[in-house]
C-alpha atoms as a PDB file:
ATOM      1  CA  UNK A   1       0.000   0.000   0.000  1.00  0.00           C
ATOM      2  CA  UNK A   2       1.344   3.422  -0.933  1.00  0.00           C
ATOM      3  CA  UNK A   3       0.804   6.524   1.169  1.00  0.00           C
ATOM      4  CA  UNK A   4       1.107  10.005  -0.239  1.00  0.00           C
ATOM      5  CA  UNK A   5       1.913  13.292   1.406  1.00  0.00           C
ATOM      6  CA  UNK A   6       0.591  16.497  -0.076  1.00  0.00           C
ATOM      7  CA  UNK A   7       3.279  19.071  -0.630  1.00  0.00           C
ATOM      8  CA  UNK A   8       1.850  22.486   0.170  1.00  0.00           C
ATOM      9  CA  UNK A   9       4.432  24.270  -1.960  1.00  0.00           C
ATOM     10  CA  UNK A  10       3.836  22.535  -5.283  1.00  0.00           C
ATOM     11  CA  UNK A  11       0.260  21.263  -4.719  1.00  0.00           C
ATOM     12  CA  UNK A  12       1.001  17.758  -5.949  1.00  0.00           C
ATOM     13  CA  UNK A  13       1.254  14.264  -4.522  1.00  0.00           C
ATOM     14  CA  UNK A  14       4.738  13.183  -3.475  1.00  0.00           C
ATOM     15  CA  UNK A  15       5.614   9.686  -2.235  1.00  0.00           C
ATOM     16  CA  UNK A  16       7.100   9.475   1.292  1.00  0.00           C
ATOM     17  CA  UNK A  17      10.236   7.561   0.398  1.00  0.00           C
ATOM     18  CA  UNK A  18      12.082   5.936  -2.507  1.00  0.00           C
ATOM     19  CA  UNK A  19      10.723   2.429  -1.743  1.00  0.00           C
ATOM     20  CA  UNK A  20       7.228   3.713  -2.325  1.00  0.00           C
ATOM     21  CA  UNK A  21       8.293   5.276  -5.659  1.00  0.00           C
ATOM     22  CA  UNK A  22       9.486   1.890  -6.841  1.00  0.00           C
ATOM     23  CA  UNK A  23       6.135   0.331  -5.810  1.00  0.00           C
ATOM     24  CA  UNK A  24       4.172   2.890  -7.840  1.00  0.00           C
ATOM     25  CA  UNK A  25       6.298   2.257 -10.944  1.00  0.00           C
ATOM     26  CA  UNK A  26       5.898  -1.498 -10.456  1.00  0.00           C
ATOM     27  CA  UNK A  27       2.104  -1.071 -10.344  1.00  0.00           C
ATOM     28  CA  UNK A  28       2.255   0.933 -13.606  1.00  0.00           C
ATOM     29  CA  UNK A  29       4.283  -1.838 -15.220  1.00  0.00           C
ATOM     30  CA  UNK A  30       1.735  -4.474 -14.124  1.00  0.00           C
ATOM     31  CA  UNK A  31      -1.058  -2.475 -15.776  1.00  0.00           C
ATOM     32  CA  UNK A  32       0.840  -2.085 -19.062  1.00  0.00           C
ATOM     33  CA  UNK A  33       0.047  -5.610 -20.431  1.00  0.00           C
ATOM     34  CA  UNK A  34      -3.619  -5.200 -19.540  1.00  0.00           C
ATOM     35  CA  UNK A  35      -3.813  -1.864 -21.370  1.00  0.00           C
ATOM     36  CA  UNK A  36      -2.045  -3.352 -24.419  1.00  0.00           C
ATOM     37  CA  UNK A  37      -4.425  -6.354 -24.442  1.00  0.00           C
ATOM     38  CA  UNK A  38      -7.477  -4.068 -24.191  1.00  0.00           C
ATOM     39  CA  UNK A  39      -6.094  -2.021 -27.099  1.00  0.00           C
ATOM     40  CA  UNK A  40      -5.854  -5.179 -29.194  1.00  0.00           C
ATOM     41  CA  UNK A  41      -9.459  -6.210 -28.403  1.00  0.00           C
ATOM     42  CA  UNK A  42     -11.150  -2.826 -28.789  1.00  0.00           C
ATOM     43  CA  UNK A  43     -10.184  -2.107 -32.366  1.00  0.00           C
ATOM     44  CA  UNK A  44     -12.428  -0.285 -34.816  1.00  0.00           C
ATOM     45  CA  UNK A  45     -13.213  -3.559 -36.632  1.00  0.00           C
ATOM     46  CA  UNK A  46     -14.128  -5.418 -33.444  1.00  0.00           C
ATOM     47  CA  UNK A  47     -16.383  -2.599 -32.226  1.00  0.00           C
ATOM     48  CA  UNK A  48     -18.133  -2.501 -35.615  1.00  0.00           C
ATOM     49  CA  UNK A  49     -18.615  -6.285 -35.503  1.00  0.00           C
ATOM     50  CA  UNK A  50     -20.053  -6.151 -31.970  1.00  0.00           C
ATOM     51  CA  UNK A  51     -22.511  -3.400 -32.971  1.00  0.00           C
ATOM     52  CA  UNK A  52     -23.595  -5.421 -36.028  1.00  0.00           C
ATOM     53  CA  UNK A  53     -24.263  -8.479 -33.832  1.00  0.00           C
ATOM     54  CA  UNK A  54     -26.301  -6.374 -31.371  1.00  0.00           C
ATOM     55  CA  UNK A  55     -28.308  -4.878 -34.254  1.00  0.00           C
ATOM     56  CA  UNK A  56     -29.043  -8.343 -35.640  1.00  0.00           C
ATOM     57  CA  UNK A  57     -30.212  -9.575 -32.236  1.00  0.00           C
ATOM     58  CA  UNK A  58     -32.485  -6.526 -31.946  1.00  0.00           C
ATOM     59  CA  UNK A  59     -33.973  -7.176 -35.384  1.00  0.00           C
ATOM     60  CA  UNK A  60     -34.691 -10.827 -34.575  1.00  0.00           C
ATOM     61  CA  UNK A  61     -36.288  -9.824 -31.266  1.00  0.00           C
ATOM     62  CA  UNK A  62     -38.481  -7.215 -32.997  1.00  0.00           C
ATOM     63  CA  UNK A  63     -39.560  -9.739 -35.633  1.00  0.00           C
ATOM     64  CA  UNK A  64     -40.522 -12.340 -33.017  1.00  0.00           C
ATOM     65  CA  UNK A  65     -42.111  -9.957 -30.518  1.00  0.00           C
ATOM     66  CA  UNK A  66     -44.172  -7.997 -33.027  1.00  0.00           C
ATOM     67  CA  UNK A  67     -45.422 -10.666 -35.389  1.00  0.00           C
ATOM     68  CA  UNK A  68     -49.128 -11.069 -36.014  1.00  0.00           C
ATOM     69  CA  UNK A  69     -50.924 -12.525 -32.998  1.00  0.00           C
ATOM     70  CA  UNK A  70     -54.696 -12.518 -33.401  1.00  0.00           C
ATOM     71  CA  UNK A  71     -57.010 -14.550 -31.228  1.00  0.00           C
ATOM     72  CA  UNK A  72     -60.688 -15.132 -31.824  1.00  0.00           C
ATOM     73  CA  UNK A  73     -63.394 -16.604 -29.612  1.00  0.00           C
ATOM     74  CA  UNK A  74     -67.049 -17.428 -30.262  1.00  0.00           C
ATOM     75  CA  UNK A  75     -69.566 -16.392 -27.590  1.00  0.00           C
ATOM     76  CA  UNK A  76     -72.854 -17.023 -29.400  1.00  0.00           C
ATOM     77  CA  UNK A  77     -73.714 -19.360 -32.284  1.00  0.00           C
ATOM     78  CA  UNK A  78     -77.001 -19.730 -34.172  1.00  0.00           C
ATOM     79  CA  UNK A  79     -77.616 -21.585 -37.448  1.00  0.00           C
ATOM     80  CA  UNK A  80     -81.029 -21.525 -39.233  1.00  0.00           C
ATOM     81  CA  UNK A  81     -82.117 -21.807 -42.854  1.00  0.00           C
ATOM     82  CA  UNK A  82     -78.593 -21.781 -44.324  1.00  0.00           C
ATOM     83  CA  UNK A  83     -77.720 -18.603 -42.365  1.00  0.00           C
ATOM     84  CA  UNK A  84     -75.185 -18.456 -39.554  1.00  0.00           C
ATOM     85  CA  UNK A  85     -74.968 -15.797 -36.872  1.00  0.00           C
ATOM     86  CA  UNK A  86     -72.087 -15.662 -34.412  1.00  0.00           C
ATOM     87  CA  UNK A  87     -71.096 -13.193 -31.719  1.00  0.00           C
ATOM     88  CA  UNK A  88     -67.287 -13.160 -31.712  1.00  0.00           C
ATOM     89  CA  UNK A  89     -64.478 -11.246 -30.077  1.00  0.00           C
ATOM     90  CA  UNK A  90     -61.160 -10.449 -31.742  1.00  0.00           C
ATOM     91  CA  UNK A  91     -57.987  -9.697 -29.813  1.00  0.00           C
ATOM     92  CA  UNK A  92     -54.781  -8.214 -31.227  1.00  0.00           C
ATOM     93  CA  UNK A  93     -51.936  -9.441 -29.014  1.00  0.00           C
ATOM     94  CA  UNK A  94     -49.117  -7.862 -31.009  1.00  0.00           C
ATOM     95  CA  UNK A  95     -47.572  -4.436 -30.517  1.00  0.00           C
ATOM     96  CA  UNK A  96     -48.453  -3.341 -34.057  1.00  0.00           C
ATOM     97  CA  UNK A  97     -51.916  -2.334 -35.297  1.00  0.00           C
ATOM     98  CA  UNK A  98     -53.667  -4.667 -37.734  1.00  0.00           C
ATOM     99  CA  UNK A  99     -56.799  -4.692 -39.896  1.00  0.00           C
ATOM    100  CA  UNK A 100     -58.948  -7.774 -40.295  1.00  0.00           C
ATOM    101  CA  UNK A 101     -60.252  -7.773 -43.851  1.00  0.00           C
ATOM    102  CA  UNK A 102     -62.275 -10.984 -43.989  1.00  0.00           C
ATOM    103  CA  UNK A 103     -63.545 -13.894 -41.890  1.00  0.00           C
ATOM    104  CA  UNK A 104     -64.701 -17.088 -43.586  1.00  0.00           C
ATOM    105  CA  UNK A 105     -66.219 -20.345 -42.383  1.00  0.00           C
ATOM    106  CA  UNK A 106     -64.334 -23.348 -43.752  1.00  0.00           C
ATOM    107  CA  UNK A 107     -66.477 -26.387 -44.578  1.00  0.00           C
ATOM    108  CA  UNK A 108     -65.039 -29.334 -46.547  1.00  0.00           C
ATOM    109  CA  UNK A 109     -61.978 -27.192 -47.342  1.00  0.00           C
ATOM    110  CA  UNK A 110     -64.151 -24.521 -49.027  1.00  0.00           C
ATOM    111  CA  UNK A 111     -64.270 -20.976 -47.615  1.00  0.00           C
ATOM    112  CA  UNK A 112     -67.614 -19.211 -47.181  1.00  0.00           C
ATOM    113  CA  UNK A 113     -67.033 -15.507 -46.392  1.00  0.00           C
ATOM    114  CA  UNK A 114     -69.205 -13.510 -44.048  1.00  0.00           C
ATOM    115  CA  UNK A 115     -71.390 -10.637 -45.238  1.00  0.00           C
ATOM    116  CA  UNK A 116     -69.189  -7.512 -45.467  1.00  0.00           C
ATOM    117  CA  UNK A 117     -71.969  -4.912 -45.459  1.00  0.00           C
ATOM    118  CA  UNK A 118     -73.571  -4.321 -42.051  1.00  0.00           C
ATOM    119  CA  UNK A 119     -76.831  -6.268 -41.924  1.00  0.00           C
ATOM    120  CA  UNK A 120     -79.552  -6.082 -39.288  1.00  0.00           C
ATOM    121  CA  UNK A 121     -79.145  -9.281 -37.256  1.00  0.00           C
ATOM    122  CA  UNK A 122     -81.274  -8.517 -34.180  1.00  0.00           C
ATOM    123  CA  UNK A 123     -83.672  -5.930 -32.892  1.00  0.00           C
ATOM    124  CA  UNK A 124     -85.064  -5.129 -29.481  1.00  0.00           C
ATOM    125  CA  UNK A 125     -88.223  -3.180 -28.745  1.00  0.00           C
ATOM    126  CA  UNK A 126     -89.132  -2.108 -25.220  1.00  0.00           C
ATOM    127  CA  UNK A 127     -92.852  -1.373 -24.748  1.00  0.00           C
ATOM    128  CA  UNK A 128     -95.039  -0.296 -21.883  1.00  0.00           C
ATOM    129  CA  UNK A 129     -98.569  -1.128 -22.880  1.00  0.00           C
ATOM    130  CA  UNK A 130     -98.885  -0.099 -26.522  1.00  0.00           C
ATOM    131  CA  UNK A 131     -96.315   2.671 -26.208  1.00  0.00           C
ATOM    132  CA  UNK A 132     -92.809   1.973 -27.569  1.00  0.00           C
ATOM    133  CA  UNK A 133     -90.207   3.206 -25.076  1.00  0.00           C
ATOM    134  CA  UNK A 134     -87.112   2.235 -27.030  1.00  0.00           C
ATOM    135  CA  UNK A 135     -86.187   0.379 -30.187  1.00  0.00           C
ATOM    136  CA  UNK A 136     -82.685  -0.852 -31.016  1.00  0.00           C
ATOM    137  CA  UNK A 137     -81.372  -2.557 -34.138  1.00  0.00           C
ATOM    138  CA  UNK A 138     -78.145  -4.515 -33.911  1.00  0.00           C
ATOM    139  CA  UNK A 139     -76.044  -4.711 -37.061  1.00  0.00           C
ATOM    140  CA  UNK A 140     -73.332  -7.157 -38.069  1.00  0.00           C
ATOM    141  CA  UNK A 141     -69.666  -6.110 -38.150  1.00  0.00           C
ATOM    142  CA  UNK A 142     -68.512  -3.803 -40.934  1.00  0.00           C
ATOM    143  CA  UNK A 143     -65.198  -4.698 -42.546  1.00  0.00           C
ATOM    144  CA  UNK A 144     -62.319  -3.970 -42.349  1.00  0.00           C
ATOM    145  CA  UNK A 145     -61.945  -4.176 -38.574  1.00  0.00           C
ATOM    146  CA  UNK A 146     -59.068  -1.982 -37.398  1.00  0.00           C
ATOM    147  CA  UNK A 147     -57.403  -3.165 -34.205  1.00  0.00           C
ATOM    148  CA  UNK A 148     -54.818  -1.058 -32.418  1.00  0.00           C
ATOM    149  CA  UNK A 149     -51.928  -2.715 -30.635  1.00  0.00           C
ATOM    150  CA  UNK A 150     -53.028  -4.896 -27.712  1.00  0.00           C
ATOM    151  CA  UNK A 151     -56.695  -4.036 -28.401  1.00  0.00           C
ATOM    152  CA  UNK A 152     -59.877  -5.998 -28.925  1.00  0.00           C
ATOM    153  CA  UNK A 153     -63.210  -5.794 -30.719  1.00  0.00           C
ATOM    154  CA  UNK A 154     -66.437  -7.777 -30.622  1.00  0.00           C
ATOM    155  CA  UNK A 155     -69.591  -7.998 -32.664  1.00  0.00           C
ATOM    156  CA  UNK A 156     -71.853 -10.181 -34.782  1.00  0.00           C
ATOM    157  CA  UNK A 157     -70.625 -12.026 -37.865  1.00  0.00           C
ATOM    158  CA  UNK A 158     -73.338 -12.954 -40.335  1.00  0.00           C
ATOM    159  CA  UNK A 159     -72.939 -15.701 -42.947  1.00  0.00           C
ATOM    160  CA  UNK A 160     -75.635 -16.126 -45.582  1.00  0.00           C
ATOM    161  CA  UNK A 161     -76.233 -18.798 -48.240  1.00  0.00           C
ATOM    162  CA  UNK A 162     -74.213 -21.595 -46.636  1.00  0.00           C
ATOM    163  CA  UNK A 163     -74.420 -25.000 -48.361  1.00  0.00           C
ATOM    164  CA  UNK A 164     -77.145 -27.514 -47.531  1.00  0.00           C
ATOM    165  CA  UNK A 165     -74.459 -29.879 -46.226  1.00  0.00           C
ATOM    166  CA  UNK A 166     -73.494 -27.460 -43.444  1.00  0.00           C
ATOM    167  CA  UNK A 167     -73.951 -29.168 -40.035  1.00  0.00           C
ATOM    168  CA  UNK A 168     -76.712 -27.881 -37.774  1.00  0.00           C
ATOM    169  CA  UNK A 169     -74.889 -28.186 -34.433  1.00  0.00           C
ATOM    170  CA  UNK A 170     -71.123 -28.609 -34.802  1.00  0.00           C
ATOM    171  CA  UNK A 171     -68.914 -28.795 -31.719  1.00  0.00           C
ATOM    172  CA  UNK A 172     -65.917 -27.273 -33.511  1.00  0.00           C
ATOM    173  CA  UNK A 173     -65.668 -24.734 -36.278  1.00  0.00           C
ATOM    174  CA  UNK A 174     -62.810 -23.716 -38.568  1.00  0.00           C
ATOM    175  CA  UNK A 175     -62.599 -20.015 -39.355  1.00  0.00           C
ATOM    176  CA  UNK A 176     -60.151 -18.398 -41.752  1.00  0.00           C
ATOM    177  CA  UNK A 177     -59.096 -14.878 -40.805  1.00  0.00           C
ATOM    178  CA  UNK A 178     -57.495 -12.603 -43.410  1.00  0.00           C
ATOM    179  CA  UNK A 179     -55.592  -9.585 -42.154  1.00  0.00           C
ATOM    180  CA  UNK A 180     -53.488  -6.732 -43.469  1.00  0.00           C
ATOM    181  CA  UNK A 181     -50.276  -8.470 -42.389  1.00  0.00           C
ATOM    182  CA  UNK A 182     -49.298 -12.009 -43.242  1.00  0.00           C
ATOM    183  CA  UNK A 183     -51.161 -14.911 -44.789  1.00  0.00           C
ATOM    184  CA  UNK A 184     -54.700 -16.003 -43.995  1.00  0.00           C
ATOM    185  CA  UNK A 185     -54.796 -17.879 -40.701  1.00  0.00           C
ATOM    186  CA  UNK A 186     -57.088 -20.828 -40.041  1.00  0.00           C
ATOM    187  CA  UNK A 187     -58.336 -21.264 -36.492  1.00  0.00           C
ATOM    188  CA  UNK A 188     -60.152 -24.251 -35.019  1.00  0.00           C
ATOM    189  CA  UNK A 189     -62.594 -22.969 -32.407  1.00  0.00           C
ATOM    190  CA  UNK A 190     -65.054 -24.642 -30.106  1.00  0.00           C
ATOM    191  CA  UNK A 191     -68.704 -23.722 -30.585  1.00  0.00           C
ATOM    192  CA  UNK A 192     -70.590 -22.734 -27.418  1.00  0.00           C
ATOM    193  CA  UNK A 193     -73.814 -24.532 -26.664  1.00  0.00           C
ATOM    194  CA  UNK A 194     -76.688 -22.038 -26.495  1.00  0.00           C
END
């Protein structure tokens, strides 16, 4: 251990004796190989290479973390006279916004798209006696459906003119969802019993 005395005349650190001076120089000599080795490692080429690797890792992380992640669940299901009505909820689990452009029912590997134009699917009328207090019409979803990042949306999907071979009460249903990013995604969903 080296002790220093402050010289008041010159305002600098001065070692106490000559043995301590030799110890300080020996410490400097021990640091010299470490400094030379660090100079060999931290070259301009090595720093550029390290930054390129970090950039590549960041790109891969962004690609994986922000890919399309849409989930869909069916809350209500009704099939009558070749028409299908479902109440569904969409959830965007990615950090990027996305637009859902189409939803189709897949039956025997054939896609049957839903009705794109909002259609009246239900109506409620509240009466007291003969007087109508309120009247509400519920429309199907209008496409495209714009979902912000980590957002959701729900509404009625209406399918008209399904084939005669369509099952009346399936337990599972395959839906194909087309979005603004990526390929169409097929989802196998369970049908709730009403």
